[in-house]
Amino acid sequence: MSKHPLDHDRGASSSRLAHFVAVERSAQPSAASKLLQQRPRTQSETRAKQFARIEREMKAVAP
């Protein structure tokens, strides 16, 4: 079995790994994730209801 990509010895790329670890351990979420959480939802629950209706109909038709 091959090693996990982070377990490979990459020599000079230690700064990349250090940056990854710093981001992973940071206490504050990134600005991008904050924007995604604050963005208004464009789709209502009707789409989920449509999928549920289709699934119920398929179960009723299935032998």
PDB file of N, CA and C in Angstrom:
ATOM      1  N   MET A   1       0.840  -1.172   0.000  1.00  0.00           N
ATOM      2  CA  MET A   1       0.000   0.000   0.000  1.00  0.00           C
ATOM      3  C   MET A   1       0.890   1.242   0.000  1.00  0.00           C
ATOM      4  N   SER A   2       0.536   2.200  -0.812  1.00  0.00           N
ATOM      5  CA  SER A   2       1.366   3.394  -0.896  1.00  0.00           C
ATOM      6  C   SER A   2       1.128   4.314   0.293  1.00  0.00           C
ATOM      7  N   LYS A   3       2.072   5.183   0.507  1.00  0.00           N
ATOM      8  CA  LYS A   3       1.970   6.126   1.613  1.00  0.00           C
ATOM      9  C   LYS A   3       0.947   7.214   1.308  1.00  0.00           C
ATOM     10  N   HIS A   4       0.435   7.800   2.354  1.00  0.00           N
ATOM     11  CA  HIS A   4      -0.431   8.969   2.210  1.00  0.00           C
ATOM     12  C   HIS A   4       0.414  10.099   1.630  1.00  0.00           C
ATOM     13  N   PRO A   5      -0.166  10.963   0.767  1.00  0.00           N
ATOM     14  CA  PRO A   5       0.636  12.037   0.159  1.00  0.00           C
ATOM     15  C   PRO A   5       1.381  12.916   1.167  1.00  0.00           C
ATOM     16  N   LEU A   6       0.834  13.100   2.345  1.00  0.00           N
ATOM     17  CA  LEU A   6       1.527  13.928   3.338  1.00  0.00           C
ATOM     18  C   LEU A   6       2.689  13.193   3.995  1.00  0.00           C
ATOM     19  N   ASP A   7       2.734  11.856   3.853  1.00  0.00           N
ATOM     20  CA  ASP A   7       3.813  11.077   4.444  1.00  0.00           C
ATOM     21  C   ASP A   7       5.036  10.968   3.548  1.00  0.00           C
ATOM     22  N   HIS A   8       4.935  11.358   2.296  1.00  0.00           N
ATOM     23  CA  HIS A   8       6.075  11.287   1.378  1.00  0.00           C
ATOM     24  C   HIS A   8       7.112  12.344   1.743  1.00  0.00           C
ATOM     25  N   ASP A   9       8.360  11.979   1.599  1.00  0.00           N
ATOM     26  CA  ASP A   9       9.443  12.926   1.856  1.00  0.00           C
ATOM     27  C   ASP A   9       9.604  13.813   0.630  1.00  0.00           C
ATOM     28  N   ARG A  10       9.338  15.091   0.795  1.00  0.00           N
ATOM     29  CA  ARG A  10       9.401  16.007  -0.345  1.00  0.00           C
ATOM     30  C   ARG A  10      10.548  16.989  -0.238  1.00  0.00           C
ATOM     31  N   GLY A  11      11.317  16.878   0.787  1.00  0.00           N
ATOM     32  CA  GLY A  11      12.502  17.714   0.900  1.00  0.00           C
ATOM     33  C   GLY A  11      12.190  19.191   1.049  1.00  0.00           C
ATOM     34  N   ALA A  12      12.308  19.949  -0.023  1.00  0.00           N
ATOM     35  CA  ALA A  12      12.189  21.398   0.036  1.00  0.00           C
ATOM     36  C   ALA A  12      10.754  21.895   0.184  1.00  0.00           C
ATOM     37  N   SER A  13       9.768  21.018   0.157  1.00  0.00           N
ATOM     38  CA  SER A  13       8.388  21.469   0.215  1.00  0.00           C
ATOM     39  C   SER A  13       7.853  21.548   1.641  1.00  0.00           C
ATOM     40  N   SER A  14       8.722  21.655   2.618  1.00  0.00           N
ATOM     41  CA  SER A  14       8.264  21.698   4.005  1.00  0.00           C
ATOM     42  C   SER A  14       7.472  22.962   4.300  1.00  0.00           C
ATOM     43  N   SER A  15       7.748  24.050   3.588  1.00  0.00           N
ATOM     44  CA  SER A  15       6.984  25.276   3.818  1.00  0.00           C
ATOM     45  C   SER A  15       5.537  25.107   3.380  1.00  0.00           C
ATOM     46  N   ARG A  16       5.331  24.312   2.326  1.00  0.00           N
ATOM     47  CA  ARG A  16       3.964  24.051   1.864  1.00  0.00           C
ATOM     48  C   ARG A  16       3.199  23.270   2.921  1.00  0.00           C
ATOM     49  N   LEU A  17       3.842  22.252   3.495  1.00  0.00           N
ATOM     50  CA  LEU A  17       3.216  21.467   4.545  1.00  0.00           C
ATOM     51  C   LEU A  17       2.974  22.325   5.792  1.00  0.00           C
ATOM     52  N   ALA A  18       3.913  23.188   6.121  1.00  0.00           N
ATOM     53  CA  ALA A  18       3.740  24.068   7.275  1.00  0.00           C
ATOM     54  C   ALA A  18       2.557  25.007   7.060  1.00  0.00           C
ATOM     55  N   HIS A  19       2.396  25.515   5.850  1.00  0.00           N
ATOM     56  CA  HIS A  19       1.251  26.379   5.549  1.00  0.00           C
ATOM     57  C   HIS A  19      -0.051  25.591   5.654  1.00  0.00           C
ATOM     58  N   PHE A  20      -0.066  24.349   5.155  1.00  0.00           N
ATOM     59  CA  PHE A  20      -1.246  23.503   5.249  1.00  0.00           C
ATOM     60  C   PHE A  20      -1.631  23.265   6.705  1.00  0.00           C
ATOM     61  N   VAL A  21      -0.651  22.957   7.537  1.00  0.00           N
ATOM     62  CA  VAL A  21      -0.907  22.700   8.953  1.00  0.00           C
ATOM     63  C   VAL A  21      -1.417  23.965   9.636  1.00  0.00           C
ATOM     64  N   ALA A  22      -0.842  25.109   9.304  1.00  0.00           N
ATOM     65  CA  ALA A  22      -1.290  26.367   9.909  1.00  0.00           C
ATOM     66  C   ALA A  22      -2.738  26.670   9.536  1.00  0.00           C
ATOM     67  N   VAL A  23      -3.089  26.448   8.298  1.00  0.00           N
ATOM     68  CA  VAL A  23      -4.474  26.678   7.869  1.00  0.00           C
ATOM     69  C   VAL A  23      -5.405  25.692   8.548  1.00  0.00           C
ATOM     70  N   GLU A  24      -4.978  24.449   8.634  1.00  0.00           N
ATOM     71  CA  GLU A  24      -5.800  23.405   9.239  1.00  0.00           C
ATOM     72  C   GLU A  24      -6.052  23.683  10.715  1.00  0.00           C
ATOM     73  N   ARG A  25      -5.070  24.220  11.401  1.00  0.00           N
ATOM     74  CA  ARG A  25      -5.185  24.452  12.847  1.00  0.00           C
ATOM     75  C   ARG A  25      -5.694  25.846  13.204  1.00  0.00           C
ATOM     76  N   SER A  26      -5.917  26.688  12.224  1.00  0.00           N
ATOM     77  CA  SER A  26      -6.342  28.054  12.533  1.00  0.00           C
ATOM     78  C   SER A  26      -7.706  28.058  13.215  1.00  0.00           C
ATOM     79  N   ALA A  27      -7.873  28.971  14.141  1.00  0.00           N
ATOM     80  CA  ALA A  27      -9.105  29.026  14.922  1.00  0.00           C
ATOM     81  C   ALA A  27     -10.228  29.725  14.161  1.00  0.00           C
ATOM     82  N   GLN A  28      -9.885  30.615  13.258  1.00  0.00           N
ATOM     83  CA  GLN A  28     -10.900  31.371  12.552  1.00  0.00           C
ATOM     84  C   GLN A  28     -11.167  30.762  11.179  1.00  0.00           C
ATOM     85  N   PRO A  29     -12.441  30.723  10.771  1.00  0.00           N
ATOM     86  CA  PRO A  29     -12.744  30.223   9.425  1.00  0.00           C
ATOM     87  C   PRO A  29     -12.284  31.213   8.362  1.00  0.00           C
ATOM     88  N   SER A  30     -12.099  30.727   7.173  1.00  0.00           N
ATOM     89  CA  SER A  30     -11.637  31.596   6.096  1.00  0.00           C
ATOM     90  C   SER A  30     -12.743  32.544   5.644  1.00  0.00           C
ATOM     91  N   ALA A  31     -12.358  33.593   4.962  1.00  0.00           N
ATOM     92  CA  ALA A  31     -13.334  34.564   4.462  1.00  0.00           C
ATOM     93  C   ALA A  31     -14.274  33.923   3.450  1.00  0.00           C
ATOM     94  N   ALA A  32     -13.764  32.977   2.671  1.00  0.00           N
ATOM     95  CA  ALA A  32     -14.601  32.313   1.667  1.00  0.00           C
ATOM     96  C   ALA A  32     -15.719  31.513   2.322  1.00  0.00           C
ATOM     97  N   SER A  33     -15.406  30.802   3.396  1.00  0.00           N
ATOM     98  CA  SER A  33     -16.456  30.024   4.058  1.00  0.00           C
ATOM     99  C   SER A  33     -17.468  30.929   4.749  1.00  0.00           C
ATOM    100  N   LYS A  34     -17.016  32.073   5.264  1.00  0.00           N
ATOM    101  CA  LYS A  34     -17.955  33.024   5.860  1.00  0.00           C
ATOM    102  C   LYS A  34     -18.925  33.553   4.811  1.00  0.00           C
ATOM    103  N   LEU A  35     -18.408  33.870   3.629  1.00  0.00           N
ATOM    104  CA  LEU A  35     -19.272  34.365   2.561  1.00  0.00           C
ATOM    105  C   LEU A  35     -20.288  33.319   2.132  1.00  0.00           C
ATOM    106  N   LEU A  36     -19.870  32.061   2.070  1.00  0.00           N
ATOM    107  CA  LEU A  36     -20.805  31.010   1.699  1.00  0.00           C
ATOM    108  C   LEU A  36     -21.917  30.855   2.735  1.00  0.00           C
ATOM    109  N   GLN A  37     -21.585  31.020   4.002  1.00  0.00           N
ATOM    110  CA  GLN A  37     -22.588  30.888   5.047  1.00  0.00           C
ATOM    111  C   GLN A  37     -23.556  32.060   5.059  1.00  0.00           C
ATOM    112  N   GLN A  38     -23.101  33.242   4.663  1.00  0.00           N
ATOM    113  CA  GLN A  38     -23.942  34.431   4.689  1.00  0.00           C
ATOM    114  C   GLN A  38     -24.760  34.610   3.416  1.00  0.00           C
ATOM    115  N   ARG A  39     -24.416  33.878   2.358  1.00  0.00           N
ATOM    116  CA  ARG A  39     -25.102  34.013   1.082  1.00  0.00           C
ATOM    117  C   ARG A  39     -26.538  33.511   1.201  1.00  0.00           C
ATOM    118  N   PRO A  40     -27.488  34.274   0.694  1.00  0.00           N
ATOM    119  CA  PRO A  40     -28.883  33.810   0.779  1.00  0.00           C
ATOM    120  C   PRO A  40     -29.098  32.590  -0.109  1.00  0.00           C
ATOM    121  N   ARG A  41     -29.942  31.720   0.349  1.00  0.00           N
ATOM    122  CA  ARG A  41     -30.243  30.526  -0.430  1.00  0.00           C
ATOM    123  C   ARG A  41     -31.188  30.895  -1.562  1.00  0.00           C
ATOM    124  N   THR A  42     -30.873  30.416  -2.741  1.00  0.00           N
ATOM    125  CA  THR A  42     -31.684  30.753  -3.901  1.00  0.00           C
ATOM    126  C   THR A  42     -32.759  29.719  -4.170  1.00  0.00           C
ATOM    127  N   GLN A  43     -32.601  28.517  -3.652  1.00  0.00           N
ATOM    128  CA  GLN A  43     -33.580  27.469  -3.888  1.00  0.00           C
ATOM    129  C   GLN A  43     -34.380  27.223  -2.617  1.00  0.00           C
ATOM    130  N   SER A  44     -35.657  27.064  -2.787  1.00  0.00           N
ATOM    131  CA  SER A  44     -36.504  26.812  -1.634  1.00  0.00           C
ATOM    132  C   SER A  44     -36.633  25.317  -1.395  1.00  0.00           C
ATOM    133  N   GLU A  45     -37.478  24.967  -0.447  1.00  0.00           N
ATOM    134  CA  GLU A  45     -37.670  23.563  -0.124  1.00  0.00           C
ATOM    135  C   GLU A  45     -38.486  22.843  -1.191  1.00  0.00           C
ATOM    136  N   THR A  46     -39.064  23.575  -2.122  1.00  0.00           N
ATOM    137  CA  THR A  46     -39.894  22.926  -3.126  1.00  0.00           C
ATOM    138  C   THR A  46     -39.096  21.946  -3.965  1.00  0.00           C
ATOM    139  N   ARG A  47     -37.829  22.221  -4.185  1.00  0.00           N
ATOM    140  CA  ARG A  47     -37.009  21.293  -4.967  1.00  0.00           C
ATOM    141  C   ARG A  47     -36.852  19.973  -4.214  1.00  0.00           C
ATOM    142  N   ALA A  48     -36.623  20.042  -2.906  1.00  0.00           N
ATOM    143  CA  ALA A  48     -36.510  18.821  -2.110  1.00  0.00           C
ATOM    144  C   ALA A  48     -37.839  18.070  -2.117  1.00  0.00           C
ATOM    145  N   LYS A  49     -38.936  18.788  -2.073  1.00  0.00           N
ATOM    146  CA  LYS A  49     -40.253  18.144  -2.123  1.00  0.00           C
ATOM    147  C   LYS A  49     -40.471  17.460  -3.467  1.00  0.00           C
ATOM    148  N   GLN A  50     -39.987  18.071  -4.541  1.00  0.00           N
ATOM    149  CA  GLN A  50     -40.124  17.455  -5.862  1.00  0.00           C
ATOM    150  C   GLN A  50     -39.337  16.149  -5.929  1.00  0.00           C
ATOM    151  N   PHE A  51     -38.124  16.123  -5.397  1.00  0.00           N
ATOM    152  CA  PHE A  51     -37.332  14.904  -5.397  1.00  0.00           C
ATOM    153  C   PHE A  51     -38.001  13.821  -4.546  1.00  0.00           C
ATOM    154  N   ALA A  52     -38.577  14.211  -3.407  1.00  0.00           N
ATOM    155  CA  ALA A  52     -39.258  13.243  -2.556  1.00  0.00           C
ATOM    156  C   ALA A  52     -40.471  12.659  -3.277  1.00  0.00           C
ATOM    157  N   ARG A  53     -41.196  13.486  -4.009  1.00  0.00           N
ATOM    158  CA  ARG A  53     -42.368  13.013  -4.762  1.00  0.00           C
ATOM    159  C   ARG A  53     -41.929  12.024  -5.841  1.00  0.00           C
ATOM    160  N   ILE A  54     -40.863  12.337  -6.552  1.00  0.00           N
ATOM    161  CA  ILE A  54     -40.369  11.443  -7.600  1.00  0.00           C
ATOM    162  C   ILE A  54     -39.950  10.106  -6.988  1.00  0.00           C
ATOM    163  N   GLU A  55     -39.287  10.164  -5.844  1.00  0.00           N
ATOM    164  CA  GLU A  55     -38.838   8.932  -5.199  1.00  0.00           C
ATOM    165  C   GLU A  55     -40.030   8.084  -4.749  1.00  0.00           C
ATOM    166  N   ARG A  56     -41.059   8.733  -4.200  1.00  0.00           N
ATOM    167  CA  ARG A  56     -42.255   7.983  -3.779  1.00  0.00           C
ATOM    168  C   ARG A  56     -42.931   7.337  -4.972  1.00  0.00           C
ATOM    169  N   GLU A  57     -43.029   8.060  -6.074  1.00  0.00           N
ATOM    170  CA  GLU A  57     -43.666   7.500  -7.274  1.00  0.00           C
ATOM    171  C   GLU A  57     -42.876   6.328  -7.821  1.00  0.00           C
ATOM    172  N   MET A  58     -41.540   6.407  -7.788  1.00  0.00           N
ATOM    173  CA  MET A  58     -40.723   5.307  -8.291  1.00  0.00           C
ATOM    174  C   MET A  58     -40.880   4.058  -7.416  1.00  0.00           C
ATOM    175  N   LYS A  59     -41.002   4.240  -6.101  1.00  0.00           N
ATOM    176  CA  LYS A  59     -41.197   3.105  -5.210  1.00  0.00           C
ATOM    177  C   LYS A  59     -42.555   2.470  -5.447  1.00  0.00           C
ATOM    178  N   ALA A  60     -43.565   3.286  -5.742  1.00  0.00           N
ATOM    179  CA  ALA A  60     -44.913   2.754  -5.976  1.00  0.00           C
ATOM    180  C   ALA A  60     -44.964   1.972  -7.280  1.00  0.00           C
ATOM    181  N   VAL A  61     -44.176   2.338  -8.265  1.00  0.00           N
ATOM    182  CA  VAL A  61     -44.183   1.685  -9.584  1.00  0.00           C
ATOM    183  C   VAL A  61     -43.289   0.450  -9.579  1.00  0.00           C
ATOM    184  N   ALA A  62     -42.239   0.462  -8.785  1.00  0.00           N
ATOM    185  CA  ALA A  62     -41.260  -0.634  -8.788  1.00  0.00           C
ATOM    186  C   ALA A  62     -41.924  -1.942  -8.361  1.00  0.00           C
ATOM    187  N   PRO A  63     -41.581  -3.068  -9.027  1.00  0.00           N
ATOM    188  CA  PRO A  63     -42.197  -4.362  -8.688  1.00  0.00           C
ATOM    189  C   PRO A  63     -41.718  -4.919  -7.376  1.00  0.00           C
TER     190      PRO A  63
END
